[in-house]
Amino acid sequence: MACPEYGQLYSYSFALNSEWSDVYASQPEILAYIESVVSRFSHSSHVHLNQECTAAEWLDHEFLWRVHFVEGQSGRRYVKNARFLIAAVGFSDVPNGAEGIRNIQNFGGRIFHSANWDHSFDFPDKNVVVIGNGCSANQFVPHLVKHAGIRSMVQVMKSPHWIAPKDNGPVPVWQKW
């Protein structure tokens, strides 16, 4: 699995990374870079993962946002005030499940969405069905076929996309700035 853009584009301007190993950086390498930036600038106390913003209200007299959150694992609710509110959730922050598929309850295998990838799932010698052909499928389908030891794969889609091949490989030394 790798990013869809050149790895060198996945660097903050204030913390450039010239050491990407491949042209298209892998997910673990991108995560390691982000974690190193957080550590380098001592931002870990400002990063809160697995939180849901449930409401935000503007406080006219205080010129602040009051933002309501729920912790994902504990369910604890809390409120923070902020001068700035940036909504950067994207439009697909909550993936659709398989519940809408007729007779899905009769399926005896494991079901998960690529946005909630089950890293503990053991793929070798499995028959795999992929529903859809979006950006994520474009990345994980070839990876599973080549590296996961699956028995077979069927991909179901409304219409196929045309996709240019990625010429991935090690970043040459002369390109590391």
Foldseek 3Di string as FASTA:
>chain_A
DFDPAFPQVLADPVGGDLDAFKRTHHPVVSVVRVVVVCVVVVPPVVDAPQKDWDDWDQDVVVCWIWIWIARRPPRDIDIDIGNDDDDDCPPCNDPDFCVPPPPPVVDDDDGDDLVPDDPPDQAAAAEEEAEEDDPSCVPVVVVCVPPRNYPYYHYHYPDDDDDDDDPMDTDDPVSRD
